[in-house]
Each structure stands twice: as C-alpha cells, then as structure tokens.
Amino acid sequence: MKIDNKIANYEISQQITKSAQNINDGQQLLDSQKNQEIKSESRDAIVNLSQASKDRLLASEAIASVPDVREDKVAEIKDQIESGTYGMDNEAVADKMVGSFIDELF
C-alpha cells in the first residue's frame, strides 16, 4: 500500500478550509449577537412580574397604608380602663411573664 502525498495534502487542506469556515461562522455569530445586544440596550426595558411578586407588592402597599397605632383600639381600651370595666386574665399574664423569664435563662 502506497500513501500518496497529494491525497494527504488534499485531506489536510480540506480540514483547514473547514476549520477556517467554522471560525468565520463563529465570528459572524458573535457579531450578530453583539448587534442584537446593542439594539436591545437602546430599547426601554420591559419587566414582567410574577403573580407572587404582584401579590407581595399589593400586600406591602396595603400594610404601608395602615397606621402603626390603631387609634380606635387604643381609645376603646383607655375608656374601659377609666371606667373600670377592662378585664384582664391575671393567670395568663403571669404565665407569659414566667415563660419569658425561662426563655431568657435558656
């Protein structure tokens, strides 16, 4: 079996041609991507929020519109204290105080 240099050279030149073509194709692809990026940067941004994000935004707006102190509740409790009708569960208060103290220890 005899290897002909012409055939080997032909195969090598074909491979070089294919590689050069692939490089050119890759460069063209990069150039087109850069052009698309430039075009997209010049446009206004469009943002789509998920439903969860919309719900969170709505909830935070609702919370922001409610005052920190509920004046109606405060006035009602003040009236009950002044009139002597405000009832308090002494055992529940004591349980919470002891529970809080135990939590601080451990």
PDB file of N, CA and C in Angstrom:
ATOM      1  N   MET A   1       0.831  -1.154   0.000  1.00  0.00           N
ATOM      2  CA  MET A   1       0.000   0.000   0.000  1.00  0.00           C
ATOM      3  C   MET A   1       0.891   1.237   0.000  1.00  0.00           C
ATOM      4  N   LYS A   2       0.587   2.141  -0.879  1.00  0.00           N
ATOM      5  CA  LYS A   2       1.404   3.329  -1.039  1.00  0.00           C
ATOM      6  C   LYS A   2       0.570   4.559  -0.692  1.00  0.00           C
ATOM      7  N   ILE A   3       1.146   5.427   0.127  1.00  0.00           N
ATOM      8  CA  ILE A   3       0.455   6.662   0.510  1.00  0.00           C
ATOM      9  C   ILE A   3       0.940   7.751  -0.420  1.00  0.00           C
ATOM     10  N   ASP A   4      -0.030   8.365  -1.038  1.00  0.00           N
ATOM     11  CA  ASP A   4       0.284   9.433  -1.985  1.00  0.00           C
ATOM     12  C   ASP A   4       0.236  10.775  -1.248  1.00  0.00           C
ATOM     13  N   ASN A   5       1.281  11.543  -1.367  1.00  0.00           N
ATOM     14  CA  ASN A   5       1.350  12.839  -0.693  1.00  0.00           C
ATOM     15  C   ASN A   5       0.275  13.798  -1.197  1.00  0.00           C
ATOM     16  N   LYS A   6      -0.131  13.650  -2.440  1.00  0.00           N
ATOM     17  CA  LYS A   6      -1.156  14.541  -2.989  1.00  0.00           C
ATOM     18  C   LYS A   6      -2.480  14.331  -2.257  1.00  0.00           C
ATOM     19  N   ILE A   7      -2.819  13.073  -1.956  1.00  0.00           N
ATOM     20  CA  ILE A   7      -4.072  12.780  -1.265  1.00  0.00           C
ATOM     21  C   ILE A   7      -4.002  13.297   0.168  1.00  0.00           C
ATOM     22  N   ALA A   8      -2.891  13.077   0.835  1.00  0.00           N
ATOM     23  CA  ALA A   8      -2.737  13.544   2.212  1.00  0.00           C
ATOM     24  C   ALA A   8      -2.804  15.071   2.264  1.00  0.00           C
ATOM     25  N   ASN A   9      -2.136  15.731   1.325  1.00  0.00           N
ATOM     26  CA  ASN A   9      -2.171  17.198   1.277  1.00  0.00           C
ATOM     27  C   ASN A   9      -3.578  17.707   0.998  1.00  0.00           C
ATOM     28  N   TYR A  10      -4.295  17.020   0.128  1.00  0.00           N
ATOM     29  CA  TYR A  10      -5.664  17.394  -0.204  1.00  0.00           C
ATOM     30  C   TYR A  10      -6.548  17.288   1.052  1.00  0.00           C
ATOM     31  N   GLU A  11      -6.427  16.190   1.802  1.00  0.00           N
ATOM     32  CA  GLU A  11      -7.223  15.989   3.011  1.00  0.00           C
ATOM     33  C   GLU A  11      -6.908  17.067   4.051  1.00  0.00           C
ATOM     34  N   ILE A  12      -5.624  17.386   4.189  1.00  0.00           N
ATOM     35  CA  ILE A  12      -5.223  18.415   5.153  1.00  0.00           C
ATOM     36  C   ILE A  12      -5.778  19.772   4.742  1.00  0.00           C
ATOM     37  N   SER A  13      -5.713  20.092   3.469  1.00  0.00           N
ATOM     38  CA  SER A  13      -6.229  21.385   3.009  1.00  0.00           C
ATOM     39  C   SER A  13      -7.740  21.464   3.179  1.00  0.00           C
ATOM     40  N   GLN A  14      -8.435  20.332   2.998  1.00  0.00           N
ATOM     41  CA  GLN A  14      -9.875  20.307   3.220  1.00  0.00           C
ATOM     42  C   GLN A  14     -10.203  20.589   4.691  1.00  0.00           C
ATOM     43  N   GLN A  15      -9.431  19.976   5.586  1.00  0.00           N
ATOM     44  CA  GLN A  15      -9.649  20.191   7.020  1.00  0.00           C
ATOM     45  C   GLN A  15      -9.378  21.651   7.402  1.00  0.00           C
ATOM     46  N   ILE A  16      -8.332  22.221   6.821  1.00  0.00           N
ATOM     47  CA  ILE A  16      -8.002  23.619   7.096  1.00  0.00           C
ATOM     48  C   ILE A  16      -9.114  24.528   6.585  1.00  0.00           C
ATOM     49  N   THR A  17      -9.648  24.233   5.427  1.00  0.00           N
ATOM     50  CA  THR A  17     -10.724  25.029   4.851  1.00  0.00           C
ATOM     51  C   THR A  17     -11.972  24.953   5.734  1.00  0.00           C
ATOM     52  N   LYS A  18     -12.302  23.744   6.213  1.00  0.00           N
ATOM     53  CA  LYS A  18     -13.469  23.571   7.086  1.00  0.00           C
ATOM     54  C   LYS A  18     -13.274  24.317   8.401  1.00  0.00           C
ATOM     55  N   SER A  19     -12.073  24.251   8.951  1.00  0.00           N
ATOM     56  CA  SER A  19     -11.796  24.945  10.210  1.00  0.00           C
ATOM     57  C   SER A  19     -11.914  26.453  10.034  1.00  0.00           C
ATOM     58  N   ALA A  20     -11.381  26.957   8.934  1.00  0.00           N
ATOM     59  CA  ALA A  20     -11.464  28.391   8.660  1.00  0.00           C
ATOM     60  C   ALA A  20     -12.919  28.817   8.498  1.00  0.00           C
ATOM     61  N   GLN A  21     -13.714  27.980   7.823  1.00  0.00           N
ATOM     62  CA  GLN A  21     -15.136  28.282   7.637  1.00  0.00           C
ATOM     63  C   GLN A  21     -15.858  28.303   8.985  1.00  0.00           C
ATOM     64  N   ASN A  22     -15.537  27.348   9.864  1.00  0.00           N
ATOM     65  CA  ASN A  22     -16.158  27.308  11.190  1.00  0.00           C
ATOM     66  C   ASN A  22     -15.795  28.543  12.014  1.00  0.00           C
ATOM     67  N   ILE A  23     -14.539  28.978  11.869  1.00  0.00           N
ATOM     68  CA  ILE A  23     -14.105  30.185  12.580  1.00  0.00           C
ATOM     69  C   ILE A  23     -14.870  31.394  12.059  1.00  0.00           C
ATOM     70  N   ASN A  24     -15.010  31.495  10.749  1.00  0.00           N
ATOM     71  CA  ASN A  24     -15.754  32.612  10.160  1.00  0.00           C
ATOM     72  C   ASN A  24     -17.217  32.589  10.600  1.00  0.00           C
ATOM     73  N   ASP A  25     -17.820  31.387  10.624  1.00  0.00           N
ATOM     74  CA  ASP A  25     -19.214  31.260  11.058  1.00  0.00           C
ATOM     75  C   ASP A  25     -19.353  31.695  12.516  1.00  0.00           C
ATOM     76  N   GLY A  26     -18.402  31.283  13.342  1.00  0.00           N
ATOM     77  CA  GLY A  26     -18.424  31.663  14.757  1.00  0.00           C
ATOM     78  C   GLY A  26     -18.280  33.160  14.938  1.00  0.00           C
ATOM     79  N   GLN A  27     -17.417  33.778  14.166  1.00  0.00           N
ATOM     80  CA  GLN A  27     -17.228  35.224  14.248  1.00  0.00           C
ATOM     81  C   GLN A  27     -18.484  35.955  13.806  1.00  0.00           C
ATOM     82  N   GLN A  28     -19.121  35.465  12.740  1.00  0.00           N
ATOM     83  CA  GLN A  28     -20.358  36.083  12.275  1.00  0.00           C
ATOM     84  C   GLN A  28     -21.444  35.965  13.341  1.00  0.00           C
ATOM     85  N   LEU A  29     -21.501  34.825  14.013  1.00  0.00           N
ATOM     86  CA  LEU A  29     -22.480  34.624  15.071  1.00  0.00           C
ATOM     87  C   LEU A  29     -22.226  35.600  16.224  1.00  0.00           C
ATOM     88  N   LEU A  30     -20.954  35.762  16.609  1.00  0.00           N
ATOM     89  CA  LEU A  30     -20.618  36.708  17.666  1.00  0.00           C
ATOM     90  C   LEU A  30     -20.979  38.132  17.272  1.00  0.00           C
ATOM     91  N   ASP A  31     -20.696  38.490  16.019  1.00  0.00           N
ATOM     92  CA  ASP A  31     -21.024  39.828  15.546  1.00  0.00           C
ATOM     93  C   ASP A  31     -22.525  40.079  15.587  1.00  0.00           C
ATOM     94  N   SER A  32     -23.308  39.093  15.170  1.00  0.00           N
ATOM     95  CA  SER A  32     -24.761  39.274  15.178  1.00  0.00           C
ATOM     96  C   SER A  32     -25.294  39.358  16.607  1.00  0.00           C
ATOM     97  N   GLN A  33     -24.689  38.605  17.527  1.00  0.00           N
ATOM     98  CA  GLN A  33     -25.104  38.687  18.929  1.00  0.00           C
ATOM     99  C   GLN A  33     -24.781  40.062  19.506  1.00  0.00           C
ATOM    100  N   LYS A  34     -23.616  40.604  19.167  1.00  0.00           N
ATOM    101  CA  LYS A  34     -23.252  41.935  19.643  1.00  0.00           C
ATOM    102  C   LYS A  34     -24.224  42.976  19.099  1.00  0.00           C
ATOM    103  N   ASN A  35     -24.603  42.850  17.829  1.00  0.00           N
ATOM    104  CA  ASN A  35     -25.548  43.792  17.238  1.00  0.00           C
ATOM    105  C   ASN A  35     -26.900  43.717  17.947  1.00  0.00           C
ATOM    106  N   GLN A  36     -27.339  42.500  18.284  1.00  0.00           N
ATOM    107  CA  GLN A  36     -28.617  42.345  18.988  1.00  0.00           C
ATOM    108  C   GLN A  36     -28.531  42.947  20.385  1.00  0.00           C
ATOM    109  N   GLU A  37     -27.391  42.778  21.056  1.00  0.00           N
ATOM    110  CA  GLU A  37     -27.216  43.350  22.388  1.00  0.00           C
ATOM    111  C   GLU A  37     -27.265  44.873  22.325  1.00  0.00           C
ATOM    112  N   ILE A  38     -26.622  45.440  21.316  1.00  0.00           N
ATOM    113  CA  ILE A  38     -26.621  46.896  21.166  1.00  0.00           C
ATOM    114  C   ILE A  38     -28.035  47.385  20.903  1.00  0.00           C
ATOM    115  N   LYS A  39     -28.765  46.681  20.046  1.00  0.00           N
ATOM    116  CA  LYS A  39     -30.149  47.069  19.759  1.00  0.00           C
ATOM    117  C   LYS A  39     -31.013  46.951  21.011  1.00  0.00           C
ATOM    118  N   SER A  40     -30.834  45.877  21.775  1.00  0.00           N
ATOM    119  CA  SER A  40     -31.666  45.681  22.964  1.00  0.00           C
ATOM    120  C   SER A  40     -31.327  46.693  24.046  1.00  0.00           C
ATOM    121  N   GLU A  41     -30.070  47.145  24.119  1.00  0.00           N
ATOM    122  CA  GLU A  41     -29.696  48.146  25.107  1.00  0.00           C
ATOM    123  C   GLU A  41     -30.319  49.490  24.793  1.00  0.00           C
ATOM    124  N   SER A  42     -30.550  49.780  23.542  1.00  0.00           N
ATOM    125  CA  SER A  42     -31.094  51.073  23.172  1.00  0.00           C
ATOM    126  C   SER A  42     -32.603  51.137  23.393  1.00  0.00           C
ATOM    127  N   ARG A  43     -33.273  49.993  23.563  1.00  0.00           N
ATOM    128  CA  ARG A  43     -34.712  49.989  23.810  1.00  0.00           C
ATOM    129  C   ARG A  43     -34.995  50.098  25.302  1.00  0.00           C
ATOM    130  N   ASP A  44     -36.233  50.500  25.626  1.00  0.00           N
ATOM    131  CA  ASP A  44     -36.652  50.529  27.020  1.00  0.00           C
ATOM    132  C   ASP A  44     -36.779  49.109  27.535  1.00  0.00           C
ATOM    133  N   ALA A  45     -36.510  48.935  28.801  1.00  0.00           N
ATOM    134  CA  ALA A  45     -36.594  47.613  29.416  1.00  0.00           C
ATOM    135  C   ALA A  45     -38.055  47.268  29.688  1.00  0.00           C
ATOM    136  N   ILE A  46     -38.406  46.041  29.415  1.00  0.00           N
ATOM    137  CA  ILE A  46     -39.749  45.539  29.697  1.00  0.00           C
ATOM    138  C   ILE A  46     -39.611  44.495  30.788  1.00  0.00           C
ATOM    139  N   VAL A  47     -40.336  44.700  31.884  1.00  0.00           N
ATOM    140  CA  VAL A  47     -40.240  43.799  33.020  1.00  0.00           C
ATOM    141  C   VAL A  47     -41.595  43.151  33.253  1.00  0.00           C
ATOM    142  N   ASN A  48     -41.589  41.836  33.363  1.00  0.00           N
ATOM    143  CA  ASN A  48     -42.807  41.106  33.675  1.00  0.00           C
ATOM    144  C   ASN A  48     -42.665  40.531  35.069  1.00  0.00           C
ATOM    145  N   LEU A  49     -43.595  40.881  35.956  1.00  0.00           N
ATOM    146  CA  LEU A  49     -43.564  40.386  37.314  1.00  0.00           C
ATOM    147  C   LEU A  49     -44.427  39.140  37.441  1.00  0.00           C
ATOM    148  N   SER A  50     -43.994  38.224  38.274  1.00  0.00           N
ATOM    149  CA  SER A  50     -44.793  37.036  38.528  1.00  0.00           C
ATOM    150  C   SER A  50     -45.988  37.417  39.390  1.00  0.00           C
ATOM    151  N   GLN A  51     -46.961  36.537  39.463  1.00  0.00           N
ATOM    152  CA  GLN A  51     -48.146  36.800  40.269  1.00  0.00           C
ATOM    153  C   GLN A  51     -47.769  36.948  41.736  1.00  0.00           C
ATOM    154  N   ALA A  52     -46.809  36.153  42.206  1.00  0.00           N
ATOM    155  CA  ALA A  52     -46.377  36.253  43.599  1.00  0.00           C
ATOM    156  C   ALA A  52     -45.773  37.629  43.873  1.00  0.00           C
ATOM    157  N   SER A  53     -45.000  38.152  42.941  1.00  0.00           N
ATOM    158  CA  SER A  53     -44.413  39.482  43.107  1.00  0.00           C
ATOM    159  C   SER A  53     -45.493  40.552  43.135  1.00  0.00           C
ATOM    160  N   LYS A  54     -46.493  40.402  42.277  1.00  0.00           N
ATOM    161  CA  LYS A  54     -47.600  41.362  42.264  1.00  0.00           C
ATOM    162  C   LYS A  54     -48.366  41.311  43.583  1.00  0.00           C
ATOM    163  N   ASP A  55     -48.600  40.098  44.105  1.00  0.00           N
ATOM    164  CA  ASP A  55     -49.306  39.955  45.377  1.00  0.00           C
ATOM    165  C   ASP A  55     -48.500  40.568  46.520  1.00  0.00           C
ATOM    166  N   ARG A  56     -47.183  40.358  46.506  1.00  0.00           N
ATOM    167  CA  ARG A  56     -46.325  40.923  47.545  1.00  0.00           C
ATOM    168  C   ARG A  56     -46.345  42.438  47.493  1.00  0.00           C
ATOM    169  N   LEU A  57     -46.298  42.997  46.292  1.00  0.00           N
ATOM    170  CA  LEU A  57     -46.330  44.439  46.133  1.00  0.00           C
ATOM    171  C   LEU A  57     -47.655  44.999  46.646  1.00  0.00           C
ATOM    172  N   LEU A  58     -48.761  44.338  46.320  1.00  0.00           N
ATOM    173  CA  LEU A  58     -50.074  44.765  46.769  1.00  0.00           C
ATOM    174  C   LEU A  58     -50.177  44.696  48.295  1.00  0.00           C
ATOM    175  N   ALA A  59     -49.653  43.623  48.887  1.00  0.00           N
ATOM    176  CA  ALA A  59     -49.687  43.469  50.341  1.00  0.00           C
ATOM    177  C   ALA A  59     -48.848  44.536  51.029  1.00  0.00           C
ATOM    178  N   SER A  60     -47.658  44.810  50.501  1.00  0.00           N
ATOM    179  CA  SER A  60     -46.804  45.825  51.131  1.00  0.00           C
ATOM    180  C   SER A  60     -47.433  47.211  51.016  1.00  0.00           C
ATOM    181  N   GLU A  61     -48.140  47.496  49.928  1.00  0.00           N
ATOM    182  CA  GLU A  61     -48.834  48.782  49.799  1.00  0.00           C
ATOM    183  C   GLU A  61     -49.981  48.870  50.800  1.00  0.00           C
ATOM    184  N   ALA A  62     -50.695  47.754  51.002  1.00  0.00           N
ATOM    185  CA  ALA A  62     -51.797  47.744  51.964  1.00  0.00           C
ATOM    186  C   ALA A  62     -51.273  47.939  53.384  1.00  0.00           C
ATOM    187  N   ILE A  63     -50.163  47.305  53.710  1.00  0.00           N
ATOM    188  CA  ILE A  63     -49.574  47.444  55.044  1.00  0.00           C
ATOM    189  C   ILE A  63     -49.077  48.873  55.262  1.00  0.00           C
ATOM    190  N   ALA A  64     -48.502  49.455  54.227  1.00  0.00           N
ATOM    191  CA  ALA A  64     -47.986  50.821  54.353  1.00  0.00           C
ATOM    192  C   ALA A  64     -49.115  51.824  54.570  1.00  0.00           C
ATOM    193  N   SER A  65     -50.306  51.528  54.078  1.00  0.00           N
ATOM    194  CA  SER A  65     -51.427  52.461  54.221  1.00  0.00           C
ATOM    195  C   SER A  65     -52.087  52.379  55.592  1.00  0.00           C
ATOM    196  N   VAL A  66     -51.820  51.314  56.361  1.00  0.00           N
ATOM    197  CA  VAL A  66     -52.396  51.158  57.694  1.00  0.00           C
ATOM    198  C   VAL A  66     -51.470  51.818  58.706  1.00  0.00           C
ATOM    199  N   PRO A  67     -52.018  52.643  59.609  1.00  0.00           N
ATOM    200  CA  PRO A  67     -51.146  53.285  60.613  1.00  0.00           C
ATOM    201  C   PRO A  67     -50.586  52.261  61.586  1.00  0.00           C
ATOM    202  N   ASP A  68     -49.429  52.603  62.184  1.00  0.00           N
ATOM    203  CA  ASP A  68     -48.781  51.704  63.139  1.00  0.00           C
ATOM    204  C   ASP A  68     -49.610  51.527  64.408  1.00  0.00           C
ATOM    205  N   VAL A  69     -50.278  52.591  64.815  1.00  0.00           N
ATOM    206  CA  VAL A  69     -51.087  52.554  66.030  1.00  0.00           C
ATOM    207  C   VAL A  69     -52.555  52.655  65.628  1.00  0.00           C
ATOM    208  N   ARG A  70     -53.335  51.693  66.106  1.00  0.00           N
ATOM    209  CA  ARG A  70     -54.769  51.714  65.813  1.00  0.00           C
ATOM    210  C   ARG A  70     -55.459  52.564  66.875  1.00  0.00           C
ATOM    211  N   GLU A  71     -55.665  53.815  66.518  1.00  0.00           N
ATOM    212  CA  GLU A  71     -56.211  54.800  67.460  1.00  0.00           C
ATOM    213  C   GLU A  71     -57.556  54.363  68.022  1.00  0.00           C
ATOM    214  N   ASP A  72     -58.397  53.718  67.209  1.00  0.00           N
ATOM    215  CA  ASP A  72     -59.709  53.301  67.682  1.00  0.00           C
ATOM    216  C   ASP A  72     -59.598  52.267  68.800  1.00  0.00           C
ATOM    217  N   LYS A  73     -58.667  51.311  68.664  1.00  0.00           N
ATOM    218  CA  LYS A  73     -58.476  50.293  69.692  1.00  0.00           C
ATOM    219  C   LYS A  73     -57.902  50.904  70.970  1.00  0.00           C
ATOM    220  N   VAL A  74     -56.938  51.807  70.805  1.00  0.00           N
ATOM    221  CA  VAL A  74     -56.320  52.453  71.958  1.00  0.00           C
ATOM    222  C   VAL A  74     -57.377  53.244  72.735  1.00  0.00           C
ATOM    223  N   ALA A  75     -58.214  54.000  72.026  1.00  0.00           N
ATOM    224  CA  ALA A  75     -59.263  54.794  72.680  1.00  0.00           C
ATOM    225  C   ALA A  75     -60.258  53.892  73.402  1.00  0.00           C
ATOM    226  N   GLU A  76     -60.611  52.770  72.790  1.00  0.00           N
ATOM    227  CA  GLU A  76     -61.558  51.827  73.405  1.00  0.00           C
ATOM    228  C   GLU A  76     -60.993  51.257  74.712  1.00  0.00           C
ATOM    229  N   ILE A  77     -59.722  50.850  74.706  1.00  0.00           N
ATOM    230  CA  ILE A  77     -59.106  50.277  75.904  1.00  0.00           C
ATOM    231  C   ILE A  77     -58.944  51.346  76.981  1.00  0.00           C
ATOM    232  N   LYS A  78     -58.588  52.579  76.595  1.00  0.00           N
ATOM    233  CA  LYS A  78     -58.475  53.668  77.564  1.00  0.00           C
ATOM    234  C   LYS A  78     -59.812  53.909  78.264  1.00  0.00           C
ATOM    235  N   ASP A  79     -60.874  53.917  77.481  1.00  0.00           N
ATOM    236  CA  ASP A  79     -62.213  54.115  78.049  1.00  0.00           C
ATOM    237  C   ASP A  79     -62.561  53.003  79.031  1.00  0.00           C
ATOM    238  N   GLN A  80     -62.212  51.752  78.683  1.00  0.00           N
ATOM    239  CA  GLN A  80     -62.505  50.618  79.565  1.00  0.00           C
ATOM    240  C   GLN A  80     -61.699  50.723  80.857  1.00  0.00           C
ATOM    241  N   ILE A  81     -60.438  51.139  80.770  1.00  0.00           N
ATOM    242  CA  ILE A  81     -59.600  51.270  81.968  1.00  0.00           C
ATOM    243  C   ILE A  81     -60.153  52.371  82.875  1.00  0.00           C
ATOM    244  N   GLU A  82     -60.520  53.514  82.278  1.00  0.00           N
ATOM    245  CA  GLU A  82     -61.031  54.640  83.058  1.00  0.00           C
ATOM    246  C   GLU A  82     -62.360  54.307  83.735  1.00  0.00           C
ATOM    247  N   SER A  83     -63.180  53.512  83.032  1.00  0.00           N
ATOM    248  CA  SER A  83     -64.484  53.162  83.611  1.00  0.00           C
ATOM    249  C   SER A  83     -64.401  51.957  84.538  1.00  0.00           C
ATOM    250  N   GLY A  84     -63.258  51.268  84.563  1.00  0.00           N
ATOM    251  CA  GLY A  84     -63.079  50.119  85.439  1.00  0.00           C
ATOM    252  C   GLY A  84     -63.657  48.830  84.886  1.00  0.00           C
ATOM    253  N   THR A  85     -63.982  48.792  83.602  1.00  0.00           N
ATOM    254  CA  THR A  85     -64.565  47.593  83.007  1.00  0.00           C
ATOM    255  C   THR A  85     -63.552  46.758  82.225  1.00  0.00           C
ATOM    256  N   TYR A  86     -62.301  47.211  82.204  1.00  0.00           N
ATOM    257  CA  TYR A  86     -61.290  46.460  81.461  1.00  0.00           C
ATOM    258  C   TYR A  86     -60.941  45.207  82.239  1.00  0.00           C
ATOM    259  N   GLY A  87     -61.145  44.072  81.601  1.00  0.00           N
ATOM    260  CA  GLY A  87     -60.868  42.801  82.244  1.00  0.00           C
ATOM    261  C   GLY A  87     -59.526  42.242  81.798  1.00  0.00           C
ATOM    262  N   MET A  88     -58.844  41.654  82.759  1.00  0.00           N
ATOM    263  CA  MET A  88     -57.529  41.116  82.446  1.00  0.00           C
ATOM    264  C   MET A  88     -57.426  39.732  83.084  1.00  0.00           C
ATOM    265  N   ASP A  89     -56.861  38.781  82.351  1.00  0.00           N
ATOM    266  CA  ASP A  89     -56.667  37.434  82.868  1.00  0.00           C
ATOM    267  C   ASP A  89     -55.306  37.400  83.560  1.00  0.00           C
ATOM    268  N   ASN A  90     -55.342  37.481  84.905  1.00  0.00           N
ATOM    269  CA  ASN A  90     -54.097  37.559  85.673  1.00  0.00           C
ATOM    270  C   ASN A  90     -53.231  36.317  85.486  1.00  0.00           C
ATOM    271  N   GLU A  91     -53.852  35.165  85.383  1.00  0.00           N
ATOM    272  CA  GLU A  91     -53.080  33.927  85.206  1.00  0.00           C
ATOM    273  C   GLU A  91     -52.359  33.906  83.859  1.00  0.00           C
ATOM    274  N   ALA A  92     -53.026  34.385  82.837  1.00  0.00           N
ATOM    275  CA  ALA A  92     -52.401  34.413  81.514  1.00  0.00           C
ATOM    276  C   ALA A  92     -51.198  35.356  81.505  1.00  0.00           C
ATOM    277  N   VAL A  93     -51.345  36.507  82.182  1.00  0.00           N
ATOM    278  CA  VAL A  93     -50.241  37.459  82.258  1.00  0.00           C
ATOM    279  C   VAL A  93     -49.071  36.836  83.018  1.00  0.00           C
ATOM    280  N   ALA A  94     -49.368  36.174  84.128  1.00  0.00           N
ATOM    281  CA  ALA A  94     -48.313  35.535  84.926  1.00  0.00           C
ATOM    282  C   ALA A  94     -47.623  34.435  84.129  1.00  0.00           C
ATOM    283  N   ASP A  95     -48.389  33.624  83.410  1.00  0.00           N
ATOM    284  CA  ASP A  95     -47.797  32.563  82.589  1.00  0.00           C
ATOM    285  C   ASP A  95     -46.848  33.140  81.544  1.00  0.00           C
ATOM    286  N   LYS A  96     -47.241  34.228  80.905  1.00  0.00           N
ATOM    287  CA  LYS A  96     -46.384  34.842  79.879  1.00  0.00           C
ATOM    288  C   LYS A  96     -45.114  35.409  80.507  1.00  0.00           C
ATOM    289  N   MET A  97     -45.248  36.008  81.701  1.00  0.00           N
ATOM    290  CA  MET A  97     -44.071  36.575  82.369  1.00  0.00           C
ATOM    291  C   MET A  97     -43.079  35.479  82.748  1.00  0.00           C
ATOM    292  N   VAL A  98     -43.584  34.378  83.297  1.00  0.00           N
ATOM    293  CA  VAL A  98     -42.710  33.268  83.688  1.00  0.00           C
ATOM    294  C   VAL A  98     -42.095  32.622  82.442  1.00  0.00           C
ATOM    295  N   GLY A  99     -42.904  32.437  81.403  1.00  0.00           N
ATOM    296  CA  GLY A  99     -42.395  31.859  80.152  1.00  0.00           C
ATOM    297  C   GLY A  99     -41.303  32.710  79.541  1.00  0.00           C
ATOM    298  N   SER A 100     -41.479  34.017  79.577  1.00  0.00           N
ATOM    299  CA  SER A 100     -40.469  34.931  79.037  1.00  0.00           C
ATOM    300  C   SER A 100     -39.184  34.851  79.855  1.00  0.00           C
ATOM    301  N   PHE A 101     -39.326  34.765  81.184  1.00  0.00           N
ATOM    302  CA  PHE A 101     -38.159  34.665  82.058  1.00  0.00           C
ATOM    303  C   PHE A 101     -37.392  33.367  81.800  1.00  0.00           C
ATOM    304  N   ILE A 102     -38.117  32.272  81.636  1.00  0.00           N
ATOM    305  CA  ILE A 102     -37.478  30.969  81.375  1.00  0.00           C
ATOM    306  C   ILE A 102     -36.768  30.986  80.019  1.00  0.00           C
ATOM    307  N   ASP A 103     -37.380  31.618  79.021  1.00  0.00           N
ATOM    308  CA  ASP A 103     -36.747  31.721  77.699  1.00  0.00           C
ATOM    309  C   ASP A 103     -35.433  32.495  77.760  1.00  0.00           C
ATOM    310  N   GLU A 104     -35.390  33.526  78.622  1.00  0.00           N
ATOM    311  CA  GLU A 104     -34.160  34.305  78.758  1.00  0.00           C
ATOM    312  C   GLU A 104     -33.054  33.517  79.434  1.00  0.00           C
ATOM    313  N   LEU A 105     -33.436  32.595  80.336  1.00  0.00           N
ATOM    314  CA  LEU A 105     -32.433  31.792  81.029  1.00  0.00           C
ATOM    315  C   LEU A 105     -31.774  30.779  80.103  1.00  0.00           C
ATOM    316  N   PHE A 106     -32.545  30.227  79.198  1.00  0.00           N
ATOM    317  CA  PHE A 106     -32.020  29.167  78.332  1.00  0.00           C
ATOM    318  C   PHE A 106     -31.870  29.700  76.987  1.00  0.00           C
TER     319      PHE A 106
END
